[in-house]
Every structure is written in structure tokens, then in C-alpha cells.
Amino acid sequence: MELTICPHLQRYVKGHPKPNSIFIIDNCPAHKKYEKELRELVEGRRGAKLLFLAHYFPIDNPIEMAFNCFKACWRRHGMWLTALPMHDRIYFCITNCYIDPKAAAVHTYAACGYS
């Protein structure tokens, strides 16, 4: 990071942030473990601002409902799905992850922005 990202960071000016003056990183444990060192690199040496993303809450993300149903279908039928090509496995799980396929379209996929 010191040689790849930091050279591109600019000094953060409150109220008038420049391009590349805010470095946003997720909350994975490895990043949090080295937060002190990251702050020194980003804020101390470069003068940029380091921000961590908010913690991830799957309930706030409607696509998670679709992924959970899809993965449950994949696990339920995994033994015989392995014999199919990948695109057929995906199609099967998308169209069969709900008892009523219309419910999937209306309640899950539409809520995620897919029609």
C-alpha cells in the first residue's frame, strides 16, 4: 500500500476535498488490526483522510434475500446439479429457489432492482 496507493493520495482539505484525498476501506479484521499503521500512512504521511465503511448488515441489502434463497436451492440440489453446465445450474436455482417462481420475481428480485 505504501508504494502502490499512498503515492496517489492528495492532502485532504476540509470543505474542499481534492480527488484522491479520502481513502475508504472496508471493516475486515485485517484492516482493523492495522488501523494505527494505516492511519499513519494515509493521514500522517500523506495528509489524506482515512475512513472505514460502516459495518455490513445483510438485512439492509435486499439482494441478500435472493442470494440466501439461491444458495439454499443450490445446496438442496447440489448432488445432481454438478452434472450440469454452470449456466444451467444457475438458471435452475434462479427459477426454482422459491416454491412459487412468481414470488421470487415479485418479492425478492424486484426488491433488488431486477425485473
PDB file of N, CA and C in Angstrom:
ATOM      1  N   MET A   1       0.822  -1.189   0.000  1.00  0.00           N
ATOM      2  CA  MET A   1       0.000   0.000   0.000  1.00  0.00           C
ATOM      3  C   MET A   1       0.870   1.259   0.000  1.00  0.00           C
ATOM      4  N   GLU A   2       1.946   1.205   0.740  1.00  0.00           N
ATOM      5  CA  GLU A   2       2.813   2.380   0.837  1.00  0.00           C
ATOM      6  C   GLU A   2       3.374   2.768  -0.524  1.00  0.00           C
ATOM      7  N   LEU A   3       3.661   1.778  -1.358  1.00  0.00           N
ATOM      8  CA  LEU A   3       4.243   2.058  -2.667  1.00  0.00           C
ATOM      9  C   LEU A   3       3.216   2.104  -3.794  1.00  0.00           C
ATOM     10  N   THR A   4       2.035   1.534  -3.556  1.00  0.00           N
ATOM     11  CA  THR A   4       1.043   1.463  -4.634  1.00  0.00           C
ATOM     12  C   THR A   4      -0.067   2.494  -4.513  1.00  0.00           C
ATOM     13  N   ILE A   5      -0.632   2.651  -3.330  1.00  0.00           N
ATOM     14  CA  ILE A   5      -1.780   3.541  -3.145  1.00  0.00           C
ATOM     15  C   ILE A   5      -1.368   4.918  -2.629  1.00  0.00           C
ATOM     16  N   CYS A   6      -0.542   4.938  -1.598  1.00  0.00           N
ATOM     17  CA  CYS A   6      -0.189   6.207  -0.951  1.00  0.00           C
ATOM     18  C   CYS A   6       0.371   7.267  -1.897  1.00  0.00           C
ATOM     19  N   PRO A   7       1.194   6.912  -2.878  1.00  0.00           N
ATOM     20  CA  PRO A   7       1.700   7.961  -3.766  1.00  0.00           C
ATOM     21  C   PRO A   7       0.603   8.706  -4.536  1.00  0.00           C
ATOM     22  N   HIS A   8      -0.576   8.111  -4.659  1.00  0.00           N
ATOM     23  CA  HIS A   8      -1.674   8.732  -5.401  1.00  0.00           C
ATOM     24  C   HIS A   8      -2.578   9.591  -4.525  1.00  0.00           C
ATOM     25  N   LEU A   9      -2.383   9.526  -3.216  1.00  0.00           N
ATOM     26  CA  LEU A   9      -3.232  10.278  -2.298  1.00  0.00           C
ATOM     27  C   LEU A   9      -2.816  11.740  -2.244  1.00  0.00           C
ATOM     28  N   GLN A  10      -3.816  12.614  -2.154  1.00  0.00           N
ATOM     29  CA  GLN A  10      -3.571  14.046  -2.008  1.00  0.00           C
ATOM     30  C   GLN A  10      -3.981  14.493  -0.608  1.00  0.00           C
ATOM     31  N   ARG A  11      -3.511  15.637  -0.213  1.00  0.00           N
ATOM     32  CA  ARG A  11      -3.844  16.194   1.093  1.00  0.00           C
ATOM     33  C   ARG A  11      -5.343  16.510   1.151  1.00  0.00           C
ATOM     34  N   TYR A  12      -5.969  16.132   2.257  1.00  0.00           N
ATOM     35  CA  TYR A  12      -7.388  16.394   2.478  1.00  0.00           C
ATOM     36  C   TYR A  12      -7.565  17.808   3.022  1.00  0.00           C
ATOM     37  N   VAL A  13      -8.438  18.569   2.384  1.00  0.00           N
ATOM     38  CA  VAL A  13      -8.768  19.920   2.847  1.00  0.00           C
ATOM     39  C   VAL A  13     -10.246  19.915   3.221  1.00  0.00           C
ATOM     40  N   LYS A  14     -10.537  20.118   4.495  1.00  0.00           N
ATOM     41  CA  LYS A  14     -11.919  20.092   4.978  1.00  0.00           C
ATOM     42  C   LYS A  14     -12.766  21.116   4.229  1.00  0.00           C
ATOM     43  N   GLY A  15     -13.899  20.659   3.737  1.00  0.00           N
ATOM     44  CA  GLY A  15     -14.800  21.532   2.999  1.00  0.00           C
ATOM     45  C   GLY A  15     -14.517  21.582   1.502  1.00  0.00           C
ATOM     46  N   HIS A  16     -13.300  21.275   1.116  1.00  0.00           N
ATOM     47  CA  HIS A  16     -12.907  21.283  -0.301  1.00  0.00           C
ATOM     48  C   HIS A  16     -12.008  20.088  -0.604  1.00  0.00           C
ATOM     49  N   PRO A  17     -12.527  18.866  -0.402  1.00  0.00           N
ATOM     50  CA  PRO A  17     -11.656  17.708  -0.632  1.00  0.00           C
ATOM     51  C   PRO A  17     -11.233  17.600  -2.094  1.00  0.00           C
ATOM     52  N   LYS A  18      -9.976  17.318  -2.295  1.00  0.00           N
ATOM     53  CA  LYS A  18      -9.433  17.124  -3.637  1.00  0.00           C
ATOM     54  C   LYS A  18      -9.655  15.677  -4.062  1.00  0.00           C
ATOM     55  N   PRO A  19      -9.550  15.399  -5.353  1.00  0.00           N
ATOM     56  CA  PRO A  19      -9.607  13.997  -5.795  1.00  0.00           C
ATOM     57  C   PRO A  19      -8.503  13.196  -5.093  1.00  0.00           C
ATOM     58  N   ASN A  20      -8.817  11.986  -4.747  1.00  0.00           N
ATOM     59  CA  ASN A  20      -7.875  11.061  -4.091  1.00  0.00           C
ATOM     60  C   ASN A  20      -7.397  11.566  -2.733  1.00  0.00           C
ATOM     61  N   SER A  21      -8.200  12.356  -2.050  1.00  0.00           N
ATOM     62  CA  SER A  21      -7.799  12.830  -0.729  1.00  0.00           C
ATOM     63  C   SER A  21      -8.505  12.076   0.397  1.00  0.00           C
ATOM     64  N   ILE A  22      -9.433  11.183   0.026  1.00  0.00           N
ATOM     65  CA  ILE A  22     -10.129  10.360   1.017  1.00  0.00           C
ATOM     66  C   ILE A  22      -9.923   8.908   0.628  1.00  0.00           C
ATOM     67  N   PHE A  23      -9.393   8.138   1.568  1.00  0.00           N
ATOM     68  CA  PHE A  23      -9.156   6.710   1.332  1.00  0.00           C
ATOM     69  C   PHE A  23     -10.175   5.931   2.148  1.00  0.00           C
ATOM     70  N   ILE A  24     -11.052   5.196   1.468  1.00  0.00           N
ATOM     71  CA  ILE A  24     -12.121   4.437   2.122  1.00  0.00           C
ATOM     72  C   ILE A  24     -11.777   2.966   2.052  1.00  0.00           C
ATOM     73  N   ILE A  25     -11.897   2.306   3.188  1.00  0.00           N
ATOM     74  CA  ILE A  25     -11.525   0.896   3.287  1.00  0.00           C
ATOM     75  C   ILE A  25     -12.612   0.161   4.063  1.00  0.00           C
ATOM     76  N   ASP A  26     -12.767  -1.127   3.794  1.00  0.00           N
ATOM     77  CA  ASP A  26     -13.817  -1.872   4.491  1.00  0.00           C
ATOM     78  C   ASP A  26     -13.367  -2.258   5.899  1.00  0.00           C
ATOM     79  N   ASN A  27     -14.262  -2.892   6.620  1.00  0.00           N
ATOM     80  CA  ASN A  27     -14.023  -3.212   8.030  1.00  0.00           C
ATOM     81  C   ASN A  27     -13.527  -4.632   8.256  1.00  0.00           C
ATOM     82  N   CYS A  28     -12.833  -5.205   7.308  1.00  0.00           N
ATOM     83  CA  CYS A  28     -12.366  -6.578   7.524  1.00  0.00           C
ATOM     84  C   CYS A  28     -11.364  -6.582   8.687  1.00  0.00           C
ATOM     85  N   PRO A  29     -11.286  -7.670   9.409  1.00  0.00           N
ATOM     86  CA  PRO A  29     -10.426  -7.719  10.597  1.00  0.00           C
ATOM     87  C   PRO A  29      -8.965  -7.355  10.327  1.00  0.00           C
ATOM     88  N   ALA A  30      -8.436  -7.724   9.180  1.00  0.00           N
ATOM     89  CA  ALA A  30      -7.038  -7.398   8.878  1.00  0.00           C
ATOM     90  C   ALA A  30      -6.821  -5.890   8.796  1.00  0.00           C
ATOM     91  N   HIS A  31      -7.797  -5.172   8.250  1.00  0.00           N
ATOM     92  CA  HIS A  31      -7.666  -3.722   8.158  1.00  0.00           C
ATOM     93  C   HIS A  31      -7.764  -3.080   9.538  1.00  0.00           C
ATOM     94  N   LYS A  32      -8.700  -3.567  10.338  1.00  0.00           N
ATOM     95  CA  LYS A  32      -8.874  -3.001  11.677  1.00  0.00           C
ATOM     96  C   LYS A  32      -7.665  -3.317  12.568  1.00  0.00           C
ATOM     97  N   LYS A  33      -7.061  -4.487  12.341  1.00  0.00           N
ATOM     98  CA  LYS A  33      -5.895  -4.882  13.126  1.00  0.00           C
ATOM     99  C   LYS A  33      -4.748  -3.889  12.929  1.00  0.00           C
ATOM    100  N   TYR A  34      -4.617  -3.367  11.727  1.00  0.00           N
ATOM    101  CA  TYR A  34      -3.524  -2.448  11.402  1.00  0.00           C
ATOM    102  C   TYR A  34      -4.004  -1.005  11.237  1.00  0.00           C
ATOM    103  N   GLU A  35      -5.083  -0.669  11.926  1.00  0.00           N
ATOM    104  CA  GLU A  35      -5.647   0.667  11.786  1.00  0.00           C
ATOM    105  C   GLU A  35      -4.636   1.760  12.137  1.00  0.00           C
ATOM    106  N   LYS A  36      -3.888   1.568  13.192  1.00  0.00           N
ATOM    107  CA  LYS A  36      -2.905   2.576  13.613  1.00  0.00           C
ATOM    108  C   LYS A  36      -1.872   2.815  12.501  1.00  0.00           C
ATOM    109  N   GLU A  37      -1.363   1.737  11.929  1.00  0.00           N
ATOM    110  CA  GLU A  37      -0.372   1.850  10.863  1.00  0.00           C
ATOM    111  C   GLU A  37      -0.968   2.467   9.607  1.00  0.00           C
ATOM    112  N   LEU A  38      -2.219   2.081   9.286  1.00  0.00           N
ATOM    113  CA  LEU A  38      -2.899   2.654   8.122  1.00  0.00           C
ATOM    114  C   LEU A  38      -3.098   4.159   8.292  1.00  0.00           C
ATOM    115  N   ARG A  39      -3.522   4.565   9.476  1.00  0.00           N
ATOM    116  CA  ARG A  39      -3.722   5.994   9.735  1.00  0.00           C
ATOM    117  C   ARG A  39      -2.407   6.765   9.588  1.00  0.00           C
ATOM    118  N   GLU A  40      -1.334   6.186  10.083  1.00  0.00           N
ATOM    119  CA  GLU A  40      -0.030   6.842   9.964  1.00  0.00           C
ATOM    120  C   GLU A  40       0.349   7.020   8.494  1.00  0.00           C
ATOM    121  N   LEU A  41       0.145   5.982   7.697  1.00  0.00           N
ATOM    122  CA  LEU A  41       0.472   6.069   6.265  1.00  0.00           C
ATOM    123  C   LEU A  41      -0.394   7.093   5.544  1.00  0.00           C
ATOM    124  N   VAL A  42      -1.707   6.980   5.736  1.00  0.00           N
ATOM    125  CA  VAL A  42      -2.652   7.797   4.971  1.00  0.00           C
ATOM    126  C   VAL A  42      -2.731   9.222   5.506  1.00  0.00           C
ATOM    127  N   GLU A  43      -2.946   9.351   6.797  1.00  0.00           N
ATOM    128  CA  GLU A  43      -3.160  10.679   7.372  1.00  0.00           C
ATOM    129  C   GLU A  43      -1.848  11.340   7.793  1.00  0.00           C
ATOM    130  N   GLY A  44      -0.987  10.563   8.428  1.00  0.00           N
ATOM    131  CA  GLY A  44       0.259  11.132   8.923  1.00  0.00           C
ATOM    132  C   GLY A  44       1.232  11.519   7.824  1.00  0.00           C
ATOM    133  N   ARG A  45       1.462  10.606   6.907  1.00  0.00           N
ATOM    134  CA  ARG A  45       2.465  10.868   5.870  1.00  0.00           C
ATOM    135  C   ARG A  45       1.924  11.616   4.656  1.00  0.00           C
ATOM    136  N   ARG A  46       0.673  11.312   4.271  1.00  0.00           N
ATOM    137  CA  ARG A  46       0.137  11.892   3.040  1.00  0.00           C
ATOM    138  C   ARG A  46      -0.835  13.042   3.289  1.00  0.00           C
ATOM    139  N   GLY A  47      -1.385  13.129   4.489  1.00  0.00           N
ATOM    140  CA  GLY A  47      -2.337  14.194   4.784  1.00  0.00           C
ATOM    141  C   GLY A  47      -3.737  13.927   4.241  1.00  0.00           C
ATOM    142  N   ALA A  48      -3.971  12.710   3.776  1.00  0.00           N
ATOM    143  CA  ALA A  48      -5.300  12.330   3.285  1.00  0.00           C
ATOM    144  C   ALA A  48      -6.159  11.900   4.477  1.00  0.00           C
ATOM    145  N   LYS A  49      -7.404  11.600   4.215  1.00  0.00           N
ATOM    146  CA  LYS A  49      -8.326  11.185   5.275  1.00  0.00           C
ATOM    147  C   LYS A  49      -8.632   9.698   5.106  1.00  0.00           C
ATOM    148  N   LEU A  50      -8.552   8.935   6.187  1.00  0.00           N
ATOM    149  CA  LEU A  50      -8.859   7.506   6.182  1.00  0.00           C
ATOM    150  C   LEU A  50     -10.239   7.294   6.786  1.00  0.00           C
ATOM    151  N   LEU A  51     -11.119   6.652   6.048  1.00  0.00           N
ATOM    152  CA  LEU A  51     -12.462   6.329   6.535  1.00  0.00           C
ATOM    153  C   LEU A  51     -12.705   4.834   6.393  1.00  0.00           C
ATOM    154  N   PHE A  52     -13.379   4.265   7.369  1.00  0.00           N
ATOM    155  CA  PHE A  52     -13.792   2.873   7.301  1.00  0.00           C
ATOM    156  C   PHE A  52     -15.269   2.831   6.932  1.00  0.00           C
ATOM    157  N   LEU A  53     -15.636   1.899   6.075  1.00  0.00           N
ATOM    158  CA  LEU A  53     -17.045   1.720   5.729  1.00  0.00           C
ATOM    159  C   LEU A  53     -17.826   1.301   6.966  1.00  0.00           C
ATOM    160  N   ALA A  54     -19.107   1.568   6.952  1.00  0.00           N
ATOM    161  CA  ALA A  54     -19.972   1.104   8.040  1.00  0.00           C
ATOM    162  C   ALA A  54     -19.977  -0.419   8.045  1.00  0.00           C
ATOM    163  N   HIS A  55     -20.242  -0.982   9.200  1.00  0.00           N
ATOM    164  CA  HIS A  55     -20.321  -2.435   9.277  1.00  0.00           C
ATOM    165  C   HIS A  55     -21.426  -2.942   8.372  1.00  0.00           C
ATOM    166  N   TYR A  56     -21.216  -4.114   7.829  1.00  0.00           N
ATOM    167  CA  TYR A  56     -22.147  -4.689   6.867  1.00  0.00           C
ATOM    168  C   TYR A  56     -23.332  -5.325   7.589  1.00  0.00           C
ATOM    169  N   PHE A  57     -24.529  -4.955   7.175  1.00  0.00           N
ATOM    170  CA  PHE A  57     -25.752  -5.529   7.711  1.00  0.00           C
ATOM    171  C   PHE A  57     -26.539  -6.140   6.559  1.00  0.00           C
ATOM    172  N   PRO A  58     -26.509  -7.464   6.413  1.00  0.00           N
ATOM    173  CA  PRO A  58     -27.195  -8.092   5.278  1.00  0.00           C
ATOM    174  C   PRO A  58     -28.674  -7.756   5.196  1.00  0.00           C
ATOM    175  N   ILE A  59     -29.309  -7.519   6.342  1.00  0.00           N
ATOM    176  CA  ILE A  59     -30.741  -7.231   6.324  1.00  0.00           C
ATOM    177  C   ILE A  59     -31.052  -5.926   5.597  1.00  0.00           C
ATOM    178  N   ASP A  60     -30.066  -5.029   5.524  1.00  0.00           N
ATOM    179  CA  ASP A  60     -30.248  -3.757   4.824  1.00  0.00           C
ATOM    180  C   ASP A  60     -30.058  -3.877   3.315  1.00  0.00           C
ATOM    181  N   ASN A  61     -29.624  -5.031   2.855  1.00  0.00           N
ATOM    182  CA  ASN A  61     -29.316  -5.210   1.449  1.00  0.00           C
ATOM    183  C   ASN A  61     -30.284  -6.227   0.849  1.00  0.00           C
ATOM    184  N   PRO A  62     -31.274  -5.796   0.072  1.00  0.00           N
ATOM    185  CA  PRO A  62     -32.297  -6.730  -0.412  1.00  0.00           C
ATOM    186  C   PRO A  62     -31.752  -7.855  -1.281  1.00  0.00           C
ATOM    187  N   ILE A  63     -30.607  -7.685  -1.929  1.00  0.00           N
ATOM    188  CA  ILE A  63     -30.075  -8.763  -2.762  1.00  0.00           C
ATOM    189  C   ILE A  63     -29.702  -9.975  -1.912  1.00  0.00           C
ATOM    190  N   GLU A  64     -29.448  -9.756  -0.618  1.00  0.00           N
ATOM    191  CA  GLU A  64     -29.103 -10.869   0.259  1.00  0.00           C
ATOM    192  C   GLU A  64     -30.232 -11.889   0.359  1.00  0.00           C
ATOM    193  N   MET A  65     -31.483 -11.422   0.304  1.00  0.00           N
ATOM    194  CA  MET A  65     -32.612 -12.361   0.325  1.00  0.00           C
ATOM    195  C   MET A  65     -32.529 -13.288  -0.882  1.00  0.00           C
ATOM    196  N   ALA A  66     -32.235 -12.722  -2.027  1.00  0.00           N
ATOM    197  CA  ALA A  66     -32.125 -13.521  -3.243  1.00  0.00           C
ATOM    198  C   ALA A  66     -30.953 -14.484  -3.151  1.00  0.00           C
ATOM    199  N   PHE A  67     -29.814 -14.001  -2.678  1.00  0.00           N
ATOM    200  CA  PHE A  67     -28.647 -14.872  -2.561  1.00  0.00           C
ATOM    201  C   PHE A  67     -28.910 -16.016  -1.590  1.00  0.00           C
ATOM    202  N   ASN A  68     -29.566 -15.733  -0.471  1.00  0.00           N
ATOM    203  CA  ASN A  68     -29.836 -16.784   0.510  1.00  0.00           C
ATOM    204  C   ASN A  68     -30.735 -17.861  -0.070  1.00  0.00           C
ATOM    205  N   CYS A  69     -31.784 -17.473  -0.774  1.00  0.00           N
ATOM    206  CA  CYS A  69     -32.681 -18.451  -1.404  1.00  0.00           C
ATOM    207  C   CYS A  69     -31.954 -19.235  -2.490  1.00  0.00           C
ATOM    208  N   PHE A  70     -31.176 -18.524  -3.286  1.00  0.00           N
ATOM    209  CA  PHE A  70     -30.418 -19.153  -4.370  1.00  0.00           C
ATOM    210  C   PHE A  70     -29.444 -20.193  -3.804  1.00  0.00           C
ATOM    211  N   LYS A  71     -28.686 -19.811  -2.767  1.00  0.00           N
ATOM    212  CA  LYS A  71     -27.696 -20.723  -2.188  1.00  0.00           C
ATOM    213  C   LYS A  71     -28.371 -21.924  -1.517  1.00  0.00           C
ATOM    214  N   ALA A  72     -29.518 -21.702  -0.889  1.00  0.00           N
ATOM    215  CA  ALA A  72     -30.232 -22.819  -0.266  1.00  0.00           C
ATOM    216  C   ALA A  72     -30.685 -23.821  -1.321  1.00  0.00           C
ATOM    217  N   CYS A  73     -31.160 -23.326  -2.450  1.00  0.00           N
ATOM    218  CA  CYS A  73     -31.562 -24.207  -3.547  1.00  0.00           C
ATOM    219  C   CYS A  73     -30.348 -24.970  -4.079  1.00  0.00           C
ATOM    220  N   TRP A  74     -29.241 -24.279  -4.234  1.00  0.00           N
ATOM    221  CA  TRP A  74     -28.003 -24.903  -4.730  1.00  0.00           C
ATOM    222  C   TRP A  74     -27.568 -26.036  -3.790  1.00  0.00           C
ATOM    223  N   ARG A  75     -27.638 -25.786  -2.473  1.00  0.00           N
ATOM    224  CA  ARG A  75     -27.253 -26.819  -1.506  1.00  0.00           C
ATOM    225  C   ARG A  75     -28.227 -28.001  -1.546  1.00  0.00           C
ATOM    226  N   ARG A  76     -29.537 -27.704  -1.648  1.00  0.00           N
ATOM    227  CA  ARG A  76     -30.549 -28.765  -1.672  1.00  0.00           C
ATOM    228  C   ARG A  76     -30.365 -29.702  -2.855  1.00  0.00           C
ATOM    229  N   HIS A  77     -30.000 -29.149  -3.986  1.00  0.00           N
ATOM    230  CA  HIS A  77     -29.923 -29.942  -5.220  1.00  0.00           C
ATOM    231  C   HIS A  77     -28.488 -30.139  -5.708  1.00  0.00           C
ATOM    232  N   GLY A  78     -27.536 -29.866  -4.854  1.00  0.00           N
ATOM    233  CA  GLY A  78     -26.132 -29.881  -5.240  1.00  0.00           C
ATOM    234  C   GLY A  78     -25.624 -31.192  -5.813  1.00  0.00           C
ATOM    235  N   MET A  79     -26.140 -32.313  -5.324  1.00  0.00           N
ATOM    236  CA  MET A  79     -25.630 -33.615  -5.773  1.00  0.00           C
ATOM    237  C   MET A  79     -25.817 -33.809  -7.262  1.00  0.00           C
ATOM    238  N   TRP A  80     -26.986 -33.493  -7.774  1.00  0.00           N
ATOM    239  CA  TRP A  80     -27.193 -33.714  -9.205  1.00  0.00           C
ATOM    240  C   TRP A  80     -26.892 -32.489 -10.052  1.00  0.00           C
ATOM    241  N   LEU A  81     -26.855 -31.307  -9.434  1.00  0.00           N
ATOM    242  CA  LEU A  81     -26.530 -30.101 -10.199  1.00  0.00           C
ATOM    243  C   LEU A  81     -25.111 -30.139 -10.762  1.00  0.00           C
ATOM    244  N   THR A  82     -24.218 -30.833 -10.079  1.00  0.00           N
ATOM    245  CA  THR A  82     -22.823 -30.857 -10.526  1.00  0.00           C
ATOM    246  C   THR A  82     -22.668 -31.470 -11.914  1.00  0.00           C
ATOM    247  N   ALA A  83     -23.655 -32.243 -12.351  1.00  0.00           N
ATOM    248  CA  ALA A  83     -23.581 -32.857 -13.683  1.00  0.00           C
ATOM    249  C   ALA A  83     -23.953 -31.877 -14.799  1.00  0.00           C
ATOM    250  N   LEU A  84     -24.518 -30.731 -14.431  1.00  0.00           N
ATOM    251  CA  LEU A  84     -24.961 -29.755 -15.430  1.00  0.00           C
ATOM    252  C   LEU A  84     -23.895 -28.703 -15.693  1.00  0.00           C
ATOM    253  N   PRO A  85     -23.935 -28.099 -16.874  1.00  0.00           N
ATOM    254  CA  PRO A  85     -23.052 -26.944 -17.111  1.00  0.00           C
ATOM    255  C   PRO A  85     -23.419 -25.806 -16.148  1.00  0.00           C
ATOM    256  N   MET A  86     -22.470 -24.950 -15.857  1.00  0.00           N
ATOM    257  CA  MET A  86     -22.661 -23.892 -14.858  1.00  0.00           C
ATOM    258  C   MET A  86     -23.873 -23.011 -15.156  1.00  0.00           C
ATOM    259  N   HIS A  87     -24.058 -22.596 -16.413  1.00  0.00           N
ATOM    260  CA  HIS A  87     -25.192 -21.714 -16.713  1.00  0.00           C
ATOM    261  C   HIS A  87     -26.524 -22.407 -16.457  1.00  0.00           C
ATOM    262  N   ASP A  88     -26.592 -23.733 -16.649  1.00  0.00           N
ATOM    263  CA  ASP A  88     -27.819 -24.476 -16.354  1.00  0.00           C
ATOM    264  C   ASP A  88     -28.049 -24.591 -14.850  1.00  0.00           C
ATOM    265  N   ARG A  89     -26.983 -24.748 -14.078  1.00  0.00           N
ATOM    266  CA  ARG A  89     -27.115 -24.791 -12.610  1.00  0.00           C
ATOM    267  C   ARG A  89     -27.680 -23.468 -12.092  1.00  0.00           C
ATOM    268  N   ILE A  90     -27.109 -22.375 -12.596  1.00  0.00           N
ATOM    269  CA  ILE A  90     -27.557 -21.046 -12.160  1.00  0.00           C
ATOM    270  C   ILE A  90     -29.008 -20.818 -12.549  1.00  0.00           C
ATOM    271  N   TYR A  91     -29.361 -21.145 -13.789  1.00  0.00           N
ATOM    272  CA  TYR A  91     -30.731 -20.960 -14.251  1.00  0.00           C
ATOM    273  C   TYR A  91     -31.698 -21.778 -13.396  1.00  0.00           C
ATOM    274  N   PHE A  92     -31.332 -23.032 -13.112  1.00  0.00           N
ATOM    275  CA  PHE A  92     -32.199 -23.880 -12.303  1.00  0.00           C
ATOM    276  C   PHE A  92     -32.436 -23.255 -10.935  1.00  0.00           C
ATOM    277  N   CYS A  93     -31.385 -22.806 -10.283  1.00  0.00           N
ATOM    278  CA  CYS A  93     -31.529 -22.254  -8.936  1.00  0.00           C
ATOM    279  C   CYS A  93     -32.307 -20.942  -8.926  1.00  0.00           C
ATOM    280  N   ILE A  94     -32.106 -20.114  -9.932  1.00  0.00           N
ATOM    281  CA  ILE A  94     -32.863 -18.862 -10.001  1.00  0.00           C
ATOM    282  C   ILE A  94     -34.347 -19.139 -10.193  1.00  0.00           C
ATOM    283  N   THR A  95     -34.667 -20.109 -11.031  1.00  0.00           N
ATOM    284  CA  THR A  95     -36.078 -20.373 -11.332  1.00  0.00           C
ATOM    285  C   THR A  95     -36.743 -21.315 -10.337  1.00  0.00           C
ATOM    286  N   ASN A  96     -35.982 -21.957  -9.463  1.00  0.00           N
ATOM    287  CA  ASN A  96     -36.559 -22.921  -8.532  1.00  0.00           C
ATOM    288  C   ASN A  96     -36.252 -22.658  -7.067  1.00  0.00           C
ATOM    289  N   CYS A  97     -35.722 -21.514  -6.753  1.00  0.00           N
ATOM    290  CA  CYS A  97     -35.353 -21.274  -5.361  1.00  0.00           C
ATOM    291  C   CYS A  97     -36.569 -20.960  -4.492  1.00  0.00           C
ATOM    292  N   TYR A  98     -37.684 -20.626  -5.084  1.00  0.00           N
ATOM    293  CA  TYR A  98     -38.941 -20.424  -4.369  1.00  0.00           C
ATOM    294  C   TYR A  98     -39.928 -21.488  -4.813  1.00  0.00           C
ATOM    295  N   ILE A  99     -40.862 -21.817  -3.950  1.00  0.00           N
ATOM    296  CA  ILE A  99     -41.916 -22.754  -4.337  1.00  0.00           C
ATOM    297  C   ILE A  99     -42.711 -22.153  -5.485  1.00  0.00           C
ATOM    298  N   ASP A 100     -42.980 -20.867  -5.384  1.00  0.00           N
ATOM    299  CA  ASP A 100     -43.701 -20.140  -6.423  1.00  0.00           C
ATOM    300  C   ASP A 100     -42.721 -19.194  -7.116  1.00  0.00           C
ATOM    301  N   PRO A 101     -42.304 -19.493  -8.355  1.00  0.00           N
ATOM    302  CA  PRO A 101     -41.341 -18.632  -9.050  1.00  0.00           C
ATOM    303  C   PRO A 101     -41.792 -17.181  -9.170  1.00  0.00           C
ATOM    304  N   LYS A 102     -43.108 -16.934  -9.223  1.00  0.00           N
ATOM    305  CA  LYS A 102     -43.594 -15.555  -9.292  1.00  0.00           C
ATOM    306  C   LYS A 102     -43.279 -14.810  -8.000  1.00  0.00           C
ATOM    307  N   ALA A 103     -43.295 -15.530  -6.883  1.00  0.00           N
ATOM    308  CA  ALA A 103     -42.950 -14.902  -5.598  1.00  0.00           C
ATOM    309  C   ALA A 103     -41.503 -14.428  -5.617  1.00  0.00           C
ATOM    310  N   ALA A 104     -40.638 -15.211  -6.236  1.00  0.00           N
ATOM    311  CA  ALA A 104     -39.234 -14.806  -6.343  1.00  0.00           C
ATOM    312  C   ALA A 104     -39.128 -13.517  -7.137  1.00  0.00           C
ATOM    313  N   ALA A 105     -39.825 -13.451  -8.238  1.00  0.00           N
ATOM    314  CA  ALA A 105     -39.758 -12.262  -9.097  1.00  0.00           C
ATOM    315  C   ALA A 105     -40.329 -11.044  -8.385  1.00  0.00           C
ATOM    316  N   VAL A 106     -41.452 -11.222  -7.724  1.00  0.00           N
ATOM    317  CA  VAL A 106     -42.134 -10.090  -7.100  1.00  0.00           C
ATOM    318  C   VAL A 106     -41.451  -9.660  -5.808  1.00  0.00           C
ATOM    319  N   HIS A 107     -41.166 -10.609  -4.937  1.00  0.00           N
ATOM    320  CA  HIS A 107     -40.710 -10.252  -3.602  1.00  0.00           C
ATOM    321  C   HIS A 107     -39.202 -10.067  -3.461  1.00  0.00           C
ATOM    322  N   THR A 108     -38.441 -10.857  -4.164  1.00  0.00           N
ATOM    323  CA  THR A 108     -37.001 -10.794  -3.956  1.00  0.00           C
ATOM    324  C   THR A 108     -36.299 -10.033  -5.062  1.00  0.00           C
ATOM    325  N   TYR A 109     -36.379 -10.508  -6.266  1.00  0.00           N
ATOM    326  CA  TYR A 109     -35.606  -9.909  -7.345  1.00  0.00           C
ATOM    327  C   TYR A 109     -36.067  -8.490  -7.672  1.00  0.00           C
ATOM    328  N   ALA A 110     -37.367  -8.246  -7.613  1.00  0.00           N
ATOM    329  CA  ALA A 110     -37.867  -6.889  -7.877  1.00  0.00           C
ATOM    330  C   ALA A 110     -37.404  -5.925  -6.784  1.00  0.00           C
ATOM    331  N   ALA A 111     -37.358  -6.407  -5.530  1.00  0.00           N
ATOM    332  CA  ALA A 111     -36.899  -5.575  -4.425  1.00  0.00           C
ATOM    333  C   ALA A 111     -35.420  -5.195  -4.587  1.00  0.00           C
ATOM    334  N   CYS A 112     -34.691  -6.013  -5.335  1.00  0.00           N
ATOM    335  CA  CYS A 112     -33.267  -5.740  -5.574  1.00  0.00           C
ATOM    336  C   CYS A 112     -33.054  -4.874  -6.800  1.00  0.00           C
ATOM    337  N   GLY A 113     -34.133  -4.550  -7.502  1.00  0.00           N
ATOM    338  CA  GLY A 113     -33.994  -3.718  -8.689  1.00  0.00           C
ATOM    339  C   GLY A 113     -33.991  -4.496  -9.985  1.00  0.00           C
ATOM    340  N   TYR A 114     -34.187  -5.811  -9.894  1.00  0.00           N
ATOM    341  CA  TYR A 114     -34.243  -6.632 -11.106  1.00  0.00           C
ATOM    342  C   TYR A 114     -35.688  -6.876 -11.478  1.00  0.00           C
ATOM    343  N   SER A 115     -35.971  -6.920 -12.752  1.00  0.00           N
ATOM    344  CA  SER A 115     -37.356  -7.195 -13.152  1.00  0.00           C
ATOM    345  C   SER A 115     -37.424  -8.398 -14.047  1.00  0.00           C
TER     346      SER A 115
END
